[in-house]
Amino acid sequence: MTNIAIDNFSFTPREVTVKEGSTITWVNHDDVPHTVVSKDQKFRSKALDTNDQFSFTFTNAGTYVYFCSVHPIMVGKVIVK
């Protein structure tokens, strides 16, 4: 399992490469809500409050660009091989 931190209005790491079948968990460490939404609508979290988390398992290879719908300047990328 791979974790991505949501902290200081950014996703860390901003880009990650994983194998097919991998699960990624995003954890919000900010004191404001954030979301994790893929641009292609393959996954979408609810609003994540402080210490809330969202997990998604990537079953298909490809590049998945995602963002926070509350703060669209926050972007990240998952590359699945």
Protein backbone atom coordinates (compact mmCIF):
# COMPACT_ATOMS: atom_id res chain seq x y z
CA MET A 1 0.00 0.00 0.00
CA THR A 2 1.19 3.50 -0.84
CA ASN A 3 0.24 6.57 1.19
CA ILE A 4 -0.06 10.10 -0.13
CA ALA A 5 -0.20 12.89 2.43
CA ILE A 6 -2.43 15.90 2.01
CA ASP A 7 -0.55 18.62 3.84
CA ASN A 8 -0.10 22.35 3.44
CA PHE A 9 -2.51 22.38 0.49
CA SER A 10 -0.51 19.84 -1.53
CA PHE A 11 -0.32 16.12 -2.27
CA THR A 12 2.98 14.51 -1.20
CA PRO A 13 4.39 12.87 -3.17
CA ARG A 14 2.83 14.75 -6.04
CA GLU A 15 3.53 11.93 -8.50
CA VAL A 16 3.76 8.23 -7.75
CA THR A 17 4.28 5.12 -9.88
CA VAL A 18 2.71 1.82 -8.78
CA LYS A 19 1.95 -1.61 -10.21
CA GLU A 20 -1.51 -2.72 -11.33
CA GLY A 21 -3.52 -3.89 -8.34
CA SER A 22 -1.89 -1.41 -5.95
CA THR A 23 -3.95 0.49 -3.41
CA ILE A 24 -3.19 4.11 -2.63
CA THR A 25 -4.44 5.81 0.52
CA TRP A 26 -4.64 9.59 0.78
CA VAL A 27 -4.59 11.03 4.33
CA ASN A 28 -5.58 14.64 5.05
CA HIS A 29 -3.24 16.28 7.56
CA ASP A 30 -4.57 19.81 6.95
CA ASP A 31 -7.11 21.46 9.24
CA VAL A 32 -9.45 22.14 6.31
CA PRO A 33 -11.39 19.63 4.16
CA HIS A 34 -9.98 18.37 0.87
CA THR A 35 -11.14 15.89 -1.78
CA VAL A 36 -9.38 13.50 -4.14
CA VAL A 37 -11.04 13.49 -7.58
CA SER A 38 -9.65 11.97 -10.79
CA LYS A 39 -10.02 14.10 -13.89
CA ASP A 40 -11.53 11.12 -15.73
CA GLN A 41 -14.02 10.50 -12.87
CA LYS A 42 -12.63 6.99 -12.14
CA PHE A 43 -12.50 7.81 -8.42
CA ARG A 44 -13.84 10.51 -6.12
CA SER A 45 -13.59 10.87 -2.36
CA LYS A 46 -16.00 12.56 -0.03
CA ALA A 47 -14.74 15.70 1.70
CA LEU A 48 -11.91 14.54 3.93
CA ASP A 49 -11.63 16.28 7.28
CA THR A 50 -8.43 16.28 9.35
CA ASN A 51 -6.96 12.75 9.57
CA ASP A 52 -9.68 11.29 7.31
CA GLN A 53 -8.46 9.00 4.57
CA PHE A 54 -9.56 7.69 1.19
CA SER A 55 -8.25 4.57 -0.55
CA PHE A 56 -8.51 3.42 -4.16
CA THR A 57 -7.19 0.28 -5.84
CA PHE A 58 -5.78 0.79 -9.33
CA THR A 59 -6.65 -2.28 -11.41
CA ASN A 60 -5.80 -0.87 -14.86
CA ALA A 61 -2.55 0.51 -16.24
CA GLY A 62 -2.55 4.16 -17.19
CA THR A 63 -1.94 7.68 -15.95
CA TYR A 64 -4.45 9.12 -13.50
CA VAL A 65 -4.40 12.86 -12.91
CA TYR A 66 -6.34 13.96 -9.85
CA PHE A 67 -7.11 17.17 -7.96
CA CYS A 68 -8.93 18.60 -4.95
CA SER A 69 -12.36 19.85 -6.03
CA VAL A 70 -12.35 22.34 -3.13
CA HIS A 71 -8.90 23.70 -4.04
CA PRO A 72 -8.33 22.90 -7.76
CA ILE A 73 -4.77 24.24 -7.64
CA MET A 74 -3.92 21.03 -5.76
CA VAL A 75 -3.05 18.36 -8.32
CA GLY A 76 -1.32 15.00 -8.36
CA LYS A 77 -0.64 12.06 -10.65
CA VAL A 78 -0.67 8.28 -10.29
CA ILE A 79 1.10 6.23 -12.97
CA VAL A 80 0.05 2.58 -13.01
CA LYS A 81 2.25 0.08 -14.90
